[in-house]
All heavy atoms as atom14 arrays in JSON, in Angstrom:
{
  "sequence": "ELSEDKQKRLAEKGIESRPVTVGARPEHITLEKVEGAMLDGVVEVS",
  "atom14_mask": [
    [1, 1, 1, 1, 1, 1, 1, 1, 1, 0, 0, 0, 0, 0],
    [1, 1, 1, 1, 1, 1, 1, 1, 0, 0, 0, 0, 0, 0],
    [1, 1, 1, 1, 1, 1, 0, 0, 0, 0, 0, 0, 0, 0],
    [1, 1, 1, 1, 1, 1, 1, 1, 1, 0, 0, 0, 0, 0],
    [1, 1, 1, 1, 1, 1, 1, 1, 0, 0, 0, 0, 0, 0],
    [1, 1, 1, 1, 1, 1, 1, 1, 1, 0, 0, 0, 0, 0],
    [1, 1, 1, 1, 1, 1, 1, 1, 1, 0, 0, 0, 0, 0],
    [1, 1, 1, 1, 1, 1, 1, 1, 1, 0, 0, 0, 0, 0],
    [1, 1, 1, 1, 1, 1, 1, 1, 1, 1, 1, 0, 0, 0],
    [1, 1, 1, 1, 1, 1, 1, 1, 0, 0, 0, 0, 0, 0],
    [1, 1, 1, 1, 1, 0, 0, 0, 0, 0, 0, 0, 0, 0],
    [1, 1, 1, 1, 1, 1, 1, 1, 1, 0, 0, 0, 0, 0],
    [1, 1, 1, 1, 1, 1, 1, 1, 1, 0, 0, 0, 0, 0],
    [1, 1, 1, 1, 0, 0, 0, 0, 0, 0, 0, 0, 0, 0],
    [1, 1, 1, 1, 1, 1, 1, 1, 0, 0, 0, 0, 0, 0],
    [1, 1, 1, 1, 1, 1, 1, 1, 1, 0, 0, 0, 0, 0],
    [1, 1, 1, 1, 1, 1, 0, 0, 0, 0, 0, 0, 0, 0],
    [1, 1, 1, 1, 1, 1, 1, 1, 1, 1, 1, 0, 0, 0],
    [1, 1, 1, 1, 1, 1, 1, 0, 0, 0, 0, 0, 0, 0],
    [1, 1, 1, 1, 1, 1, 1, 0, 0, 0, 0, 0, 0, 0],
    [1, 1, 1, 1, 1, 1, 1, 0, 0, 0, 0, 0, 0, 0],
    [1, 1, 1, 1, 1, 1, 1, 0, 0, 0, 0, 0, 0, 0],
    [1, 1, 1, 1, 0, 0, 0, 0, 0, 0, 0, 0, 0, 0],
    [1, 1, 1, 1, 1, 0, 0, 0, 0, 0, 0, 0, 0, 0],
    [1, 1, 1, 1, 1, 1, 1, 1, 1, 1, 1, 0, 0, 0],
    [1, 1, 1, 1, 1, 1, 1, 0, 0, 0, 0, 0, 0, 0],
    [1, 1, 1, 1, 1, 1, 1, 1, 1, 0, 0, 0, 0, 0],
    [1, 1, 1, 1, 1, 1, 1, 1, 1, 1, 0, 0, 0, 0],
    [1, 1, 1, 1, 1, 1, 1, 1, 0, 0, 0, 0, 0, 0],
    [1, 1, 1, 1, 1, 1, 1, 0, 0, 0, 0, 0, 0, 0],
    [1, 1, 1, 1, 1, 1, 1, 1, 0, 0, 0, 0, 0, 0],
    [1, 1, 1, 1, 1, 1, 1, 1, 1, 0, 0, 0, 0, 0],
    [1, 1, 1, 1, 1, 1, 1, 1, 1, 0, 0, 0, 0, 0],
    [1, 1, 1, 1, 1, 1, 1, 0, 0, 0, 0, 0, 0, 0],
    [1, 1, 1, 1, 1, 1, 1, 1, 1, 0, 0, 0, 0, 0],
    [1, 1, 1, 1, 0, 0, 0, 0, 0, 0, 0, 0, 0, 0],
    [1, 1, 1, 1, 1, 0, 0, 0, 0, 0, 0, 0, 0, 0],
    [1, 1, 1, 1, 1, 1, 1, 1, 0, 0, 0, 0, 0, 0],
    [1, 1, 1, 1, 1, 1, 1, 1, 0, 0, 0, 0, 0, 0],
    [1, 1, 1, 1, 1, 1, 1, 1, 0, 0, 0, 0, 0, 0],
    [1, 1, 1, 1, 0, 0, 0, 0, 0, 0, 0, 0, 0, 0],
    [1, 1, 1, 1, 1, 1, 1, 0, 0, 0, 0, 0, 0, 0],
    [1, 1, 1, 1, 1, 1, 1, 0, 0, 0, 0, 0, 0, 0],
    [1, 1, 1, 1, 1, 1, 1, 1, 1, 0, 0, 0, 0, 0],
    [1, 1, 1, 1, 1, 1, 1, 0, 0, 0, 0, 0, 0, 0],
    [1, 1, 1, 1, 1, 1, 0, 0, 0, 0, 0, 0, 0, 0]
  ],
  "atom14_positions": [
    [[0.85, -1.19, 0.0], [0.0, 0.0, 0.0], [0.88, 1.24, 0.0], [1.81, 1.36, 0.81], [-0.91, 0.01, 1.23], [-1.87, 1.2, 1.26], [-2.77, 1.18, 2.48], [-2.92, 0.11, 3.1], [-3.33, 2.25, 2.81], [0.0, 0.0, 0.0], [0.0, 0.0, 0.0], [0.0, 0.0, 0.0], [0.0, 0.0, 0.0], [0.0, 0.0, 0.0]],
    [[0.62, 2.18, -0.91], [1.43, 3.39, -1.01], [1.12, 4.35, 0.13], [0.04, 4.31, 0.72], [1.2, 4.07, -2.36], [1.62, 3.26, -3.6], [1.27, 4.01, -4.87], [3.11, 2.96, -3.56], [0.0, 0.0, 0.0], [0.0, 0.0, 0.0], [0.0, 0.0, 0.0], [0.0, 0.0, 0.0], [0.0, 0.0, 0.0], [0.0, 0.0, 0.0]],
    [[2.05, 5.26, 0.4], [1.9, 6.22, 1.49], [0.81, 7.25, 1.14], [0.41, 7.39, -0.02], [3.22, 6.94, 1.74], [3.63, 7.64, 0.59], [0.0, 0.0, 0.0], [0.0, 0.0, 0.0], [0.0, 0.0, 0.0], [0.0, 0.0, 0.0], [0.0, 0.0, 0.0], [0.0, 0.0, 0.0], [0.0, 0.0, 0.0], [0.0, 0.0, 0.0]],
    [[0.33, 7.98, 2.15], [-0.79, 8.91, 1.97], [-0.5, 9.99, 0.94], [-1.36, 10.34, 0.14], [-1.15, 9.55, 3.32], [-1.87, 8.61, 4.28], [-2.33, 9.32, 5.54], [-2.39, 10.57, 5.52], [-2.62, 8.63, 6.53], [0.0, 0.0, 0.0], [0.0, 0.0, 0.0], [0.0, 0.0, 0.0], [0.0, 0.0, 0.0], [0.0, 0.0, 0.0]],
    [[0.72, 10.56, 0.96], [1.02, 11.63, 0.02], [1.03, 11.12, -1.42], [0.58, 11.8, -2.34], [2.35, 12.31, 0.37], [3.51, 11.34, 0.41], [3.29, 10.14, 0.65], [4.66, 11.79, 0.17], [0.0, 0.0, 0.0], [0.0, 0.0, 0.0], [0.0, 0.0, 0.0], [0.0, 0.0, 0.0], [0.0, 0.0, 0.0], [0.0, 0.0, 0.0]],
    [[1.5, 9.9, -1.62], [1.48, 9.31, -2.96], [0.05, 8.98, -3.39], [-0.32, 9.17, -4.55], [2.37, 8.07, -3.01], [3.86, 8.41, -2.85], [4.75, 7.21, -3.0], [6.2, 7.63, -2.94], [6.61, 8.44, -4.1], [0.0, 0.0, 0.0], [0.0, 0.0, 0.0], [0.0, 0.0, 0.0], [0.0, 0.0, 0.0], [0.0, 0.0, 0.0]],
    [[-0.75, 8.49, -2.46], [-2.16, 8.23, -2.74], [-2.84, 9.5, -3.24], [-3.59, 9.48, -4.24], [-2.88, 7.75, -1.46], [-2.33, 6.5, -0.83], [-3.06, 5.24, -1.26], [-4.01, 5.3, -2.01], [-2.57, 4.09, -0.82], [0.0, 0.0, 0.0], [0.0, 0.0, 0.0], [0.0, 0.0, 0.0], [0.0, 0.0, 0.0], [0.0, 0.0, 0.0]],
    [[-2.56, 10.6, -2.56], [-3.22, 11.87, -2.89], [-2.82, 12.35, -4.28], [-3.67, 12.77, -5.07], [-2.84, 12.91, -1.83], [-3.51, 14.26, -2.03], [-3.09, 15.24, -0.95], [-3.73, 16.61, -1.19], [-3.29, 17.61, -0.18], [0.0, 0.0, 0.0], [0.0, 0.0, 0.0], [0.0, 0.0, 0.0], [0.0, 0.0, 0.0], [0.0, 0.0, 0.0]],
    [[-1.51, 12.29, -4.6], [-1.05, 12.79, -5.9], [-1.61, 11.94, -7.04], [-2.01, 12.48, -8.09], [0.48, 12.83, -5.94], [1.08, 14.02, -5.21], [2.56, 14.16, -5.5], [3.33, 13.15, -4.83], [3.84, 13.28, -3.6], [3.63, 14.39, -2.92], [4.56, 12.33, -3.06], [0.0, 0.0, 0.0], [0.0, 0.0, 0.0], [0.0, 0.0, 0.0]],
    [[-1.65, 10.63, -6.87], [-2.19, 9.76, -7.93], [-3.69, 9.99, -8.1], [-4.2, 10.0, -9.23], [-1.9, 8.29, -7.58], [-0.43, 7.86, -7.67], [-0.25, 6.47, -7.06], [0.06, 7.87, -9.11], [0.0, 0.0, 0.0], [0.0, 0.0, 0.0], [0.0, 0.0, 0.0], [0.0, 0.0, 0.0], [0.0, 0.0, 0.0], [0.0, 0.0, 0.0]],
    [[-4.4, 10.19, -6.98], [-5.84, 10.43, -7.05], [-6.13, 11.75, -7.75], [-7.08, 11.85, -8.56], [-6.44, 10.43, -5.64], [0.0, 0.0, 0.0], [0.0, 0.0, 0.0], [0.0, 0.0, 0.0], [0.0, 0.0, 0.0], [0.0, 0.0, 0.0], [0.0, 0.0, 0.0], [0.0, 0.0, 0.0], [0.0, 0.0, 0.0], [0.0, 0.0, 0.0]],
    [[-5.33, 12.79, -7.44], [-5.54, 14.1, -8.08], [-5.36, 14.03, -9.59], [-5.99, 14.78, -10.33], [-4.55, 15.12, -7.48], [-4.92, 15.57, -6.08], [-3.85, 16.44, -5.45], [-2.74, 16.56, -6.03], [-4.12, 17.01, -4.37], [0.0, 0.0, 0.0], [0.0, 0.0, 0.0], [0.0, 0.0, 0.0], [0.0, 0.0, 0.0], [0.0, 0.0, 0.0]],
    [[-4.52, 13.12, -10.05], [-4.3, 12.97, -11.48], [-5.26, 11.96, -12.12], [-5.2, 11.71, -13.33], [-2.84, 12.56, -11.74], [-1.84, 13.68, -11.45], [-0.43, 13.27, -11.83], [0.53, 14.45, -11.64], [0.3, 15.51, -12.64], [0.0, 0.0, 0.0], [0.0, 0.0, 0.0], [0.0, 0.0, 0.0], [0.0, 0.0, 0.0], [0.0, 0.0, 0.0]],
    [[-6.1, 11.37, -11.3], [-7.1, 10.45, -11.81], [-6.52, 9.16, -12.37], [-7.06, 8.57, -13.31], [0.0, 0.0, 0.0], [0.0, 0.0, 0.0], [0.0, 0.0, 0.0], [0.0, 0.0, 0.0], [0.0, 0.0, 0.0], [0.0, 0.0, 0.0], [0.0, 0.0, 0.0], [0.0, 0.0, 0.0], [0.0, 0.0, 0.0], [0.0, 0.0, 0.0]],
    [[-5.43, 8.7, -11.8], [-4.77, 7.48, -12.28], [-5.58, 6.26, -11.88], [-6.0, 6.11, -10.72], [-3.33, 7.37, -11.71], [-2.52, 8.63, -12.04], [-2.64, 6.12, -12.26], [-2.28, 8.87, -13.5], [0.0, 0.0, 0.0], [0.0, 0.0, 0.0], [0.0, 0.0, 0.0], [0.0, 0.0, 0.0], [0.0, 0.0, 0.0], [0.0, 0.0, 0.0]],
    [[-5.8, 5.37, -12.84], [-6.53, 4.13, -12.58], [-5.56, 2.95, -12.56], [-4.37, 3.1, -12.84], [-7.61, 3.93, -13.65], [-8.68, 5.01, -13.68], [-9.53, 5.07, -12.41], [-9.69, 4.0, -11.78], [-10.01, 6.16, -12.05], [0.0, 0.0, 0.0], [0.0, 0.0, 0.0], [0.0, 0.0, 0.0], [0.0, 0.0, 0.0], [0.0, 0.0, 0.0]],
    [[-6.1, 1.76, -12.25], [-5.27, 0.54, -12.24], [-4.64, 0.34, -13.61], [-5.31, 0.51, -14.64], [-6.13, -0.67, -11.87], [-6.69, -0.52, -10.58], [0.0, 0.0, 0.0], [0.0, 0.0, 0.0], [0.0, 0.0, 0.0], [0.0, 0.0, 0.0], [0.0, 0.0, 0.0], [0.0, 0.0, 0.0], [0.0, 0.0, 0.0], [0.0, 0.0, 0.0]],
    [[-3.38, -0.07, -13.61], [-2.66, -0.22, -14.88], [-1.3, -0.87, -14.65], [-0.78, -0.86, -13.54], [-2.46, 1.15, -15.53], [-1.82, 2.17, -14.59], [-1.48, 3.45, -15.29], [-0.5, 3.21, -16.33], [-0.17, 4.09, -17.27], [-0.76, 5.27, -17.29], [0.72, 3.82, -18.18], [0.0, 0.0, 0.0], [0.0, 0.0, 0.0], [0.0, 0.0, 0.0]],
    [[-0.67, -1.42, -15.7], [0.7, -1.92, -15.57], [1.66, -0.74, -15.35], [1.47, 0.34, -15.93], [0.98, -2.59, -16.92], [-0.36, -2.82, -17.53], [-1.24, -1.71, -17.03], [0.0, 0.0, 0.0], [0.0, 0.0, 0.0], [0.0, 0.0, 0.0], [0.0, 0.0, 0.0], [0.0, 0.0, 0.0], [0.0, 0.0, 0.0], [0.0, 0.0, 0.0]],
    [[2.69, -0.94, -14.55], [3.67, 0.12, -14.26], [5.06, -0.49, -14.13], [5.22, -1.71, -13.98], [3.33, 0.88, -12.95], [2.07, 1.7, -13.09], [3.25, -0.08, -11.76], [0.0, 0.0, 0.0], [0.0, 0.0, 0.0], [0.0, 0.0, 0.0], [0.0, 0.0, 0.0], [0.0, 0.0, 0.0], [0.0, 0.0, 0.0], [0.0, 0.0, 0.0]],
    [[6.04, 0.38, -14.2], [7.4, 0.04, -13.77], [7.56, 0.6, -12.37], [7.32, 1.8, -12.15], [8.45, 0.64, -14.71], [8.29, 0.1, -16.02], [9.85, 0.32, -14.21], [0.0, 0.0, 0.0], [0.0, 0.0, 0.0], [0.0, 0.0, 0.0], [0.0, 0.0, 0.0], [0.0, 0.0, 0.0], [0.0, 0.0, 0.0], [0.0, 0.0, 0.0]],
    [[7.92, -0.25, -11.44], [8.06, 0.17, -10.03], [9.52, 0.49, -9.75], [10.41, -0.33, -10.02], [7.57, -0.94, -9.08], [7.7, -0.5, -7.63], [6.13, -1.31, -9.39], [0.0, 0.0, 0.0], [0.0, 0.0, 0.0], [0.0, 0.0, 0.0], [0.0, 0.0, 0.0], [0.0, 0.0, 0.0], [0.0, 0.0, 0.0], [0.0, 0.0, 0.0]],
    [[9.78, 1.7, -9.22], [11.15, 2.11, -8.91], [11.35, 2.26, -7.42], [10.46, 2.75, -6.7], [0.0, 0.0, 0.0], [0.0, 0.0, 0.0], [0.0, 0.0, 0.0], [0.0, 0.0, 0.0], [0.0, 0.0, 0.0], [0.0, 0.0, 0.0], [0.0, 0.0, 0.0], [0.0, 0.0, 0.0], [0.0, 0.0, 0.0], [0.0, 0.0, 0.0]],
    [[12.51, 1.84, -6.94], [12.86, 2.0, -5.52], [14.37, 2.15, -5.4], [15.13, 1.34, -5.95], [12.39, 0.81, -4.7], [0.0, 0.0, 0.0], [0.0, 0.0, 0.0], [0.0, 0.0, 0.0], [0.0, 0.0, 0.0], [0.0, 0.0, 0.0], [0.0, 0.0, 0.0], [0.0, 0.0, 0.0], [0.0, 0.0, 0.0], [0.0, 0.0, 0.0]],
    [[14.81, 3.18, -4.72], [16.24, 3.4, -4.54], [16.82, 2.38, -3.55], [16.1, 1.92, -2.65], [16.52, 4.83, -4.06], [16.08, 5.89, -5.06], [16.73, 7.23, -4.79], [16.27, 8.23, -5.76], [16.78, 8.37, -6.98], [17.75, 7.57, -7.38], [16.32, 9.3, -7.8], [0.0, 0.0, 0.0], [0.0, 0.0, 0.0], [0.0, 0.0, 0.0]],
    [[18.1, 2.03, -3.71], [18.72, 1.02, -2.83], [18.58, 1.35, -1.34], [18.41, 0.44, -0.52], [20.19, 1.04, -3.25], [20.15, 1.46, -4.68], [19.04, 2.46, -4.77], [0.0, 0.0, 0.0], [0.0, 0.0, 0.0], [0.0, 0.0, 0.0], [0.0, 0.0, 0.0], [0.0, 0.0, 0.0], [0.0, 0.0, 0.0], [0.0, 0.0, 0.0]],
    [[18.62, 2.65, -1.0], [18.5, 3.03, 0.41], [17.07, 2.98, 0.91], [16.82, 3.15, 2.11], [19.11, 4.42, 0.65], [18.63, 5.5, -0.28], [19.48, 5.66, -1.52], [19.62, 4.71, -2.3], [20.01, 6.77, -1.72], [0.0, 0.0, 0.0], [0.0, 0.0, 0.0], [0.0, 0.0, 0.0], [0.0, 0.0, 0.0], [0.0, 0.0, 0.0]],
    [[16.1, 2.79, -0.02], [14.69, 2.73, 0.37], [14.14, 1.31, 0.31], [12.94, 1.1, 0.27], [13.86, 3.65, -0.55], [14.25, 5.1, -0.43], [14.16, 5.98, -1.48], [14.75, 5.8, 0.62], [14.58, 7.17, -1.09], [14.94, 7.08, 0.19], [0.0, 0.0, 0.0], [0.0, 0.0, 0.0], [0.0, 0.0, 0.0], [0.0, 0.0, 0.0]],
    [[15.05, 0.34, 0.28], [14.67, -1.07, 0.36], [15.14, -1.6, 1.71], [16.26, -1.34, 2.13], [15.31, -1.88, -0.79], [14.78, -1.38, -2.14], [15.04, -3.36, -0.63], [15.36, -2.09, -3.33], [0.0, 0.0, 0.0], [0.0, 0.0, 0.0], [0.0, 0.0, 0.0], [0.0, 0.0, 0.0], [0.0, 0.0, 0.0], [0.0, 0.0, 0.0]],
    [[14.25, -2.3, 2.41], [14.59, -2.74, 3.76], [14.42, -4.25, 3.9], [13.74, -4.9, 3.1], [13.7, -2.05, 4.81], [12.37, -2.58, 4.72], [13.65, -0.54, 4.6], [0.0, 0.0, 0.0], [0.0, 0.0, 0.0], [0.0, 0.0, 0.0], [0.0, 0.0, 0.0], [0.0, 0.0, 0.0], [0.0, 0.0, 0.0], [0.0, 0.0, 0.0]],
    [[15.04, -4.79, 4.94], [14.92, -6.22, 5.26], [13.83, -6.46, 6.3], [13.66, -7.58, 6.77], [16.26, -6.75, 5.78], [17.47, -6.54, 4.86], [18.72, -7.17, 5.47], [17.21, -7.11, 3.47], [0.0, 0.0, 0.0], [0.0, 0.0, 0.0], [0.0, 0.0, 0.0], [0.0, 0.0, 0.0], [0.0, 0.0, 0.0], [0.0, 0.0, 0.0]],
    [[13.09, -5.4, 6.63], [12.01, -5.52, 7.61], [10.93, -6.48, 7.09], [10.55, -6.44, 5.92], [11.41, -4.13, 7.84], [10.3, -4.1, 8.87], [9.68, -2.71, 8.99], [10.19, -1.78, 8.33], [8.68, -2.57, 9.72], [0.0, 0.0, 0.0], [0.0, 0.0, 0.0], [0.0, 0.0, 0.0], [0.0, 0.0, 0.0], [0.0, 0.0, 0.0]],
    [[10.44, -7.35, 7.96], [9.44, -8.34, 7.58], [8.05, -7.7, 7.58], [7.58, -7.22, 8.61], [9.45, -9.53, 8.55], [10.8, -10.24, 8.65], [11.19, -10.91, 7.35], [12.52, -11.64, 7.48], [12.97, -12.19, 6.2], [0.0, 0.0, 0.0], [0.0, 0.0, 0.0], [0.0, 0.0, 0.0], [0.0, 0.0, 0.0], [0.0, 0.0, 0.0]],
    [[7.4, -7.68, 6.4], [6.04, -7.16, 6.27], [5.2, -8.22, 5.56], [5.49, -8.57, 4.41], [6.02, -5.84, 5.46], [4.59, -5.33, 5.35], [6.92, -4.8, 6.11], [0.0, 0.0, 0.0], [0.0, 0.0, 0.0], [0.0, 0.0, 0.0], [0.0, 0.0, 0.0], [0.0, 0.0, 0.0], [0.0, 0.0, 0.0], [0.0, 0.0, 0.0]],
    [[4.2, -8.71, 6.23], [3.4, -9.81, 5.68], [2.78, -9.43, 4.34], [2.16, -8.37, 4.2], [2.3, -10.2, 6.68], [1.54, -11.46, 6.26], [0.51, -11.88, 7.29], [0.55, -11.34, 8.43], [-0.32, -12.75, 6.95], [0.0, 0.0, 0.0], [0.0, 0.0, 0.0], [0.0, 0.0, 0.0], [0.0, 0.0, 0.0], [0.0, 0.0, 0.0]],
    [[2.96, -10.28, 3.34], [2.37, -10.08, 2.02], [3.11, -9.09, 1.15], [2.7, -8.83, 0.02], [0.0, 0.0, 0.0], [0.0, 0.0, 0.0], [0.0, 0.0, 0.0], [0.0, 0.0, 0.0], [0.0, 0.0, 0.0], [0.0, 0.0, 0.0], [0.0, 0.0, 0.0], [0.0, 0.0, 0.0], [0.0, 0.0, 0.0], [0.0, 0.0, 0.0]],
    [[4.22, -8.52, 1.67], [4.93, -7.49, 0.9], [6.4, -7.82, 0.7], [7.22, -6.95, 0.43], [4.81, -6.14, 1.64], [0.0, 0.0, 0.0], [0.0, 0.0, 0.0], [0.0, 0.0, 0.0], [0.0, 0.0, 0.0], [0.0, 0.0, 0.0], [0.0, 0.0, 0.0], [0.0, 0.0, 0.0], [0.0, 0.0, 0.0], [0.0, 0.0, 0.0]],
    [[6.76, -9.11, 0.81], [8.17, -9.49, 0.75], [8.55, -10.03, -0.64], [7.77, -10.7, -1.31], [8.48, -10.56, 1.8], [8.17, -10.14, 3.23], [8.97, -8.58, 3.72], [10.69, -9.11, 3.74], [0.0, 0.0, 0.0], [0.0, 0.0, 0.0], [0.0, 0.0, 0.0], [0.0, 0.0, 0.0], [0.0, 0.0, 0.0], [0.0, 0.0, 0.0]],
    [[9.76, -9.7, -1.04], [10.35, -10.17, -2.29], [11.6, -10.97, -1.97], [12.23, -10.75, -0.93], [10.69, -9.0, -3.19], [9.51, -8.14, -3.65], [9.96, -6.73, -3.96], [8.84, -8.75, -4.86], [0.0, 0.0, 0.0], [0.0, 0.0, 0.0], [0.0, 0.0, 0.0], [0.0, 0.0, 0.0], [0.0, 0.0, 0.0], [0.0, 0.0, 0.0]],
    [[11.98, -11.88, -2.86], [13.16, -12.71, -2.64], [14.25, -12.35, -3.65], [13.98, -12.03, -4.81], [12.84, -14.19, -2.81], [11.94, -14.71, -1.7], [11.87, -14.03, -0.66], [11.31, -15.77, -1.89], [0.0, 0.0, 0.0], [0.0, 0.0, 0.0], [0.0, 0.0, 0.0], [0.0, 0.0, 0.0], [0.0, 0.0, 0.0], [0.0, 0.0, 0.0]],
    [[15.51, -12.42, -3.19], [16.65, -12.24, -4.07], [17.81, -13.09, -3.6], [17.96, -13.34, -2.4], [0.0, 0.0, 0.0], [0.0, 0.0, 0.0], [0.0, 0.0, 0.0], [0.0, 0.0, 0.0], [0.0, 0.0, 0.0], [0.0, 0.0, 0.0], [0.0, 0.0, 0.0], [0.0, 0.0, 0.0], [0.0, 0.0, 0.0], [0.0, 0.0, 0.0]],
    [[18.63, -13.52, -4.54], [19.8, -14.34, -4.22], [21.04, -13.45, -4.23], [21.29, -12.7, -5.19], [19.97, -15.48, -5.25], [21.23, -16.28, -4.95], [18.75, -16.39, -5.23], [0.0, 0.0, 0.0], [0.0, 0.0, 0.0], [0.0, 0.0, 0.0], [0.0, 0.0, 0.0], [0.0, 0.0, 0.0], [0.0, 0.0, 0.0], [0.0, 0.0, 0.0]],
    [[21.83, -13.51, -3.16], [23.02, -12.67, -3.03], [24.09, -13.09, -4.06], [24.48, -14.25, -4.12], [23.63, -12.77, -1.61], [24.89, -11.92, -1.51], [22.6, -12.33, -0.57], [0.0, 0.0, 0.0], [0.0, 0.0, 0.0], [0.0, 0.0, 0.0], [0.0, 0.0, 0.0], [0.0, 0.0, 0.0], [0.0, 0.0, 0.0], [0.0, 0.0, 0.0]],
    [[24.52, -12.12, -4.87], [25.59, -12.37, -5.85], [26.88, -11.67, -5.45], [27.97, -12.17, -5.67], [25.15, -11.9, -7.23], [24.02, -12.73, -7.83], [23.71, -12.36, -9.25], [23.86, -11.17, -9.62], [23.3, -13.26, -10.03], [0.0, 0.0, 0.0], [0.0, 0.0, 0.0], [0.0, 0.0, 0.0], [0.0, 0.0, 0.0], [0.0, 0.0, 0.0]],
    [[26.74, -10.48, -4.85], [27.91, -9.72, -4.38], [27.53, -9.02, -3.09], [26.42, -8.49, -2.96], [28.35, -8.65, -5.42], [29.53, -7.83, -4.89], [28.73, -9.3, -6.75], [0.0, 0.0, 0.0], [0.0, 0.0, 0.0], [0.0, 0.0, 0.0], [0.0, 0.0, 0.0], [0.0, 0.0, 0.0], [0.0, 0.0, 0.0], [0.0, 0.0, 0.0]],
    [[28.46, -9.03, -2.12], [28.26, -8.3, -0.86], [29.45, -7.37, -0.66], [30.59, -7.81, -0.54], [28.15, -9.28, 0.31], [28.04, -8.59, 1.54], [0.0, 0.0, 0.0], [0.0, 0.0, 0.0], [0.0, 0.0, 0.0], [0.0, 0.0, 0.0], [0.0, 0.0, 0.0], [0.0, 0.0, 0.0], [0.0, 0.0, 0.0], [0.0, 0.0, 0.0]]
  ]
}
């Protein structure tokens, strides 16, 4: 679920359901456990 400010901006533009490219900066990705919102990746370089 997107944050309130993002909800507001998308609603103001009248955006409906659609395919998208999702962007997230490396510093905005966390290892915090959130039910139903987790993705998996295999470590290649640390």
